[in-house]
């Protein structure tokens, strides 16, 4: 009986050792497989803004792709906007801002041209009127087309009034010409800042779950009657 138990123990140990040796180690994906061999695969879904980095030793790392690694750089958007107004907005794909930008630039350029034209006209007229050179009377055109007086009346009776009027007009158009220049510079700087901010938020996405909804509702009153109202629901 003792010998039979010993032989049985040896058989069990031999079978366990043989089963352990017959267990195959997991094969690498690059190793050849027999025809018909079943291979288990695992599908991993990663976001569109990530990438898989494969090291030389075969290790794999998942890394996030930010705006810089995706090729959309705030620095580039700023440089484009500084070189040519509107180019940064095109780079950020904010095409709807171009009509607003160029419309503002066109309006300010027209304002500069308009005010500068009349500033030069009144400046020359004021200079000629103060100097009193008979060969240079550019103010005559202003007297004949923009007043109800004659040149003789302006040079005698209304001389002081006309001189102050020319000076005030000259200063008026110069002031608004300078303000238009400042406005143009402001638009230029603003579109650079706008391009840089849009580039920073180029990949920023607000979830659809962040919503604000309103709907009509019935409001009970203390008297037992029901009133009509509206309710707001904010989901985040």
Protein backbone atom coordinates (compact mmCIF):
# COMPACT_ATOMS: atom_id res chain seq x y z
CA UNK A 1 0.00 0.00 0.00
CA UNK A 2 2.83 2.35 0.83
CA UNK A 3 4.54 1.66 -2.50
CA UNK A 4 1.28 2.20 -4.41
CA UNK A 5 0.80 5.66 -2.81
CA UNK A 6 4.41 6.58 -3.67
CA UNK A 7 3.96 5.56 -7.32
CA UNK A 8 0.67 7.50 -7.54
CA UNK A 9 2.36 10.64 -6.17
CA UNK A 10 5.13 10.36 -8.76
CA UNK A 11 2.58 10.05 -11.58
CA UNK A 12 0.67 13.13 -10.42
CA UNK A 13 3.91 15.18 -10.21
CA UNK A 14 4.99 14.00 -13.68
CA UNK A 15 1.64 14.99 -15.22
CA UNK A 16 1.75 18.45 -13.56
CA UNK A 17 5.30 19.06 -14.84
CA UNK A 18 4.36 18.00 -18.37
CA UNK A 19 1.29 20.30 -18.37
CA UNK A 20 3.43 23.21 -17.20
CA UNK A 21 5.94 22.63 -20.01
CA UNK A 22 3.18 22.41 -22.65
CA UNK A 23 1.73 25.85 -21.72
CA UNK A 24 2.77 28.30 -24.49
CA UNK A 25 3.99 31.75 -23.63
CA UNK A 26 2.07 34.67 -25.18
CA UNK A 27 3.35 35.43 -28.66
CA UNK A 28 4.34 38.87 -29.81
CA UNK A 29 2.22 40.47 -32.50
CA UNK A 30 5.15 40.28 -34.92
CA UNK A 31 5.76 36.49 -34.44
CA UNK A 32 4.38 34.11 -37.10
CA UNK A 33 1.28 32.07 -36.22
CA UNK A 34 -0.11 28.82 -37.51
CA UNK A 35 -2.95 28.89 -39.98
CA UNK A 36 -6.27 28.86 -38.22
CA UNK A 37 -4.77 29.90 -34.89
CA UNK A 38 -7.14 32.15 -32.91
CA UNK A 39 -5.69 35.51 -31.95
CA UNK A 40 -7.36 37.71 -29.38
CA UNK A 41 -7.17 41.44 -30.14
CA UNK A 42 -7.98 44.44 -28.00
CA UNK A 43 -9.31 47.63 -29.62
CA UNK A 44 -8.43 50.80 -27.78
CA UNK A 45 -10.29 53.99 -28.73
CA UNK A 46 -8.37 57.16 -28.11
CA UNK A 47 -9.54 60.75 -28.61
CA UNK A 48 -8.72 62.58 -31.83
CA UNK A 49 -6.38 64.94 -30.00
CA UNK A 50 -4.04 62.15 -28.80
CA UNK A 51 -1.35 60.11 -30.46
CA UNK A 52 0.52 56.87 -29.75
CA UNK A 53 4.29 57.23 -29.34
CA UNK A 54 6.22 54.02 -30.12
CA UNK A 55 9.67 53.79 -28.55
CA UNK A 56 12.60 51.86 -30.14
CA UNK A 57 12.25 49.11 -27.55
CA UNK A 58 8.62 48.53 -28.47
CA UNK A 59 7.03 50.39 -25.55
CA UNK A 60 3.99 52.45 -26.45
CA UNK A 61 2.91 55.68 -24.81
CA UNK A 62 -0.22 57.69 -25.37
CA UNK A 63 0.33 61.42 -25.38
CA UNK A 64 -2.04 64.33 -25.75
CA UNK A 65 -1.76 66.65 -28.70
CA UNK A 66 -2.21 70.30 -27.79
CA UNK A 67 -2.60 73.29 -30.10
CA UNK A 68 1.17 73.61 -30.56
CA UNK A 69 1.76 69.97 -31.51
CA UNK A 70 -1.26 70.02 -33.82
CA UNK A 71 0.38 72.83 -35.80
CA UNK A 72 -1.93 75.64 -34.63
CA UNK A 73 0.26 78.10 -32.80
CA UNK A 74 -0.84 81.33 -31.06
CA UNK A 75 2.57 82.77 -31.86
CA UNK A 76 2.03 82.13 -35.57
CA UNK A 77 -1.45 83.68 -35.45
CA UNK A 78 -0.02 86.77 -33.74
CA UNK A 79 2.74 87.13 -36.31
CA UNK A 80 0.29 86.76 -39.21
CA UNK A 81 -2.03 89.39 -37.74
CA UNK A 82 0.92 91.77 -37.22
CA UNK A 83 2.10 91.34 -40.79
CA UNK A 84 -1.31 91.83 -42.42
CA UNK A 85 -4.56 92.70 -40.61
CA UNK A 86 -7.04 89.87 -41.02
CA UNK A 87 -4.44 87.21 -41.80
CA UNK A 88 -4.54 85.98 -38.21
CA UNK A 89 -8.32 85.62 -38.39
CA UNK A 90 -7.94 83.61 -41.60
CA UNK A 91 -5.37 81.41 -39.87
CA UNK A 92 -7.84 80.82 -37.02
CA UNK A 93 -10.65 80.14 -39.55
CA UNK A 94 -12.76 83.00 -38.17
CA UNK A 95 -13.74 84.24 -41.61
CA UNK A 96 -16.90 85.97 -40.37
CA UNK A 97 -14.73 88.57 -38.62
CA UNK A 98 -13.12 89.76 -41.85
CA UNK A 99 -16.03 91.96 -43.06
CA UNK A 100 -16.21 93.62 -39.64
CA UNK A 101 -12.46 94.19 -39.53
CA UNK A 102 -12.07 95.52 -43.05
CA UNK A 103 -15.26 97.54 -42.76
CA UNK A 104 -13.87 99.30 -39.70
CA UNK A 105 -10.52 99.88 -41.40
CA UNK A 106 -12.21 101.28 -44.50
CA UNK A 107 -14.39 103.63 -42.43
CA UNK A 108 -11.39 104.95 -40.48
CA UNK A 109 -9.32 105.40 -43.63
CA UNK A 110 -12.14 107.39 -45.20
CA UNK A 111 -12.42 109.50 -42.05
CA UNK A 112 -8.68 110.21 -42.18
CA UNK A 113 -8.89 111.23 -45.83
CA UNK A 114 -11.97 113.40 -45.32
CA UNK A 115 -10.71 115.27 -42.27
CA UNK A 116 -7.20 115.67 -43.63
CA UNK A 117 -8.55 117.20 -46.85
CA UNK A 118 -10.53 119.90 -45.06
CA UNK A 119 -7.79 120.43 -42.50
CA UNK A 120 -5.32 121.33 -45.24
CA UNK A 121 -7.88 123.56 -46.93
CA UNK A 122 -8.67 125.56 -43.80
CA UNK A 123 -5.02 125.63 -42.71
CA UNK A 124 -3.94 127.20 -46.00
CA UNK A 125 -6.89 129.63 -45.92
CA UNK A 126 -6.08 130.66 -42.35
CA UNK A 127 -2.41 131.16 -43.18
CA UNK A 128 -3.15 133.26 -46.27
CA UNK A 129 -5.76 135.33 -44.45
CA UNK A 130 -3.43 136.13 -41.53
CA UNK A 131 -0.44 136.94 -43.75
CA UNK A 132 -2.51 139.06 -46.12
CA UNK A 133 -0.47 138.30 -49.24
CA UNK A 134 -2.48 139.58 -52.24
CA UNK A 135 -1.02 136.85 -54.46
CA UNK A 136 -2.23 134.02 -52.16
CA UNK A 137 -5.91 134.20 -51.31
CA UNK A 138 -7.00 130.59 -50.91
CA UNK A 139 -9.66 131.75 -48.44
CA UNK A 140 -11.63 133.39 -51.27
CA UNK A 141 -13.06 129.99 -52.28
CA UNK A 142 -14.34 129.45 -48.72
CA UNK A 143 -15.86 132.92 -48.58
CA UNK A 144 -17.67 132.49 -51.91
CA UNK A 145 -18.91 128.90 -51.42
CA UNK A 146 -19.43 128.55 -47.67
CA UNK A 147 -20.53 131.95 -46.44
CA UNK A 148 -23.09 134.56 -47.47
CA UNK A 149 -20.55 137.36 -47.25
CA UNK A 150 -18.36 139.02 -49.83
CA UNK A 151 -14.58 139.09 -49.84
CA UNK A 152 -14.60 142.82 -49.11
CA UNK A 153 -16.83 142.33 -46.04
CA UNK A 154 -14.65 139.52 -44.75
CA UNK A 155 -11.46 141.54 -45.15
CA UNK A 156 -12.92 144.60 -43.39
CA UNK A 157 -16.03 144.37 -41.23
CA UNK A 158 -15.98 140.66 -40.37
CA UNK A 159 -12.24 140.14 -40.39
CA UNK A 160 -11.92 139.08 -36.74
CA UNK A 161 -14.90 136.74 -36.94
CA UNK A 162 -13.70 135.11 -40.16
CA UNK A 163 -10.19 134.63 -38.81
CA UNK A 164 -11.50 132.83 -35.70
CA UNK A 165 -13.85 130.73 -37.83
CA UNK A 166 -10.97 129.58 -40.04
CA UNK A 167 -8.87 128.71 -36.98
CA UNK A 168 -11.70 126.76 -35.34
CA UNK A 169 -12.38 124.81 -38.52
CA UNK A 170 -8.70 124.05 -38.93
CA UNK A 171 -8.42 122.74 -35.37
CA UNK A 172 -11.69 120.79 -35.69
CA UNK A 173 -10.64 118.79 -38.74
CA UNK A 174 -7.14 118.26 -37.40
CA UNK A 175 -8.54 116.85 -34.16
CA UNK A 176 -10.82 114.34 -35.85
CA UNK A 177 -8.10 113.39 -38.31
CA UNK A 178 -5.78 112.56 -35.41
CA UNK A 179 -8.55 110.64 -33.62
CA UNK A 180 -9.10 108.60 -36.77
CA UNK A 181 -5.40 107.74 -36.82
CA UNK A 182 -5.60 106.59 -33.20
CA UNK A 183 -8.70 104.56 -34.03
CA UNK A 184 -6.90 102.86 -36.91
CA UNK A 185 -3.99 101.97 -34.64
CA UNK A 186 -6.46 100.66 -32.06
CA UNK A 187 -8.15 98.41 -34.61
CA UNK A 188 -4.75 97.11 -35.71
CA UNK A 189 -3.74 96.23 -32.14
CA UNK A 190 -7.17 94.80 -31.34
CA UNK A 191 -7.14 92.40 -34.27
CA UNK A 192 -3.71 91.14 -33.17
CA UNK A 193 -5.01 90.47 -29.66
CA UNK A 194 -8.14 88.85 -31.09
CA UNK A 195 -6.06 86.51 -33.29
CA UNK A 196 -3.86 85.49 -30.35
CA UNK A 197 -6.84 84.77 -28.07
CA UNK A 198 -8.67 82.80 -30.75
CA UNK A 199 -5.55 80.73 -31.38
CA UNK A 200 -5.25 79.90 -27.67
CA UNK A 201 -8.88 78.70 -27.62
CA UNK A 202 -8.72 77.03 -31.04
CA UNK A 203 -9.13 73.53 -29.55
CA UNK A 204 -11.34 74.63 -26.66
CA UNK A 205 -14.69 72.89 -26.82
CA UNK A 206 -17.74 73.42 -24.66
CA UNK A 207 -19.62 70.20 -23.94
CA UNK A 208 -23.14 69.81 -25.26
CA UNK A 209 -24.19 69.02 -21.71
CA UNK A 210 -23.60 72.65 -20.77
CA UNK A 211 -26.96 74.09 -21.74
CA UNK A 212 -29.45 76.66 -20.56
CA UNK A 213 -33.07 75.88 -21.36
CA UNK A 214 -36.35 77.54 -20.52
CA UNK A 215 -39.86 76.21 -20.73
CA UNK A 216 -43.31 77.35 -19.63
CA UNK A 217 -44.60 76.01 -16.34
CA UNK A 218 -47.68 76.17 -14.12
CA UNK A 219 -47.17 77.89 -10.77
CA UNK A 220 -49.54 76.97 -7.95
CA UNK A 221 -50.84 79.82 -5.82
CA UNK A 222 -51.97 79.88 -2.22
CA UNK A 223 -55.57 80.55 -3.23
CA UNK A 224 -55.73 77.26 -5.08
CA UNK A 225 -55.53 78.84 -8.51
CA UNK A 226 -52.77 78.12 -10.98
CA UNK A 227 -50.57 80.77 -12.61
CA UNK A 228 -48.50 80.62 -15.76
CA UNK A 229 -44.75 81.23 -15.60
CA UNK A 230 -41.43 80.13 -17.01
CA UNK A 231 -38.71 77.93 -15.58
CA UNK A 232 -35.00 77.94 -16.40
CA UNK A 233 -32.81 74.85 -16.18
CA UNK A 234 -29.04 75.01 -16.30
CA UNK A 235 -27.23 71.74 -17.03
CA UNK A 236 -23.49 71.30 -16.54
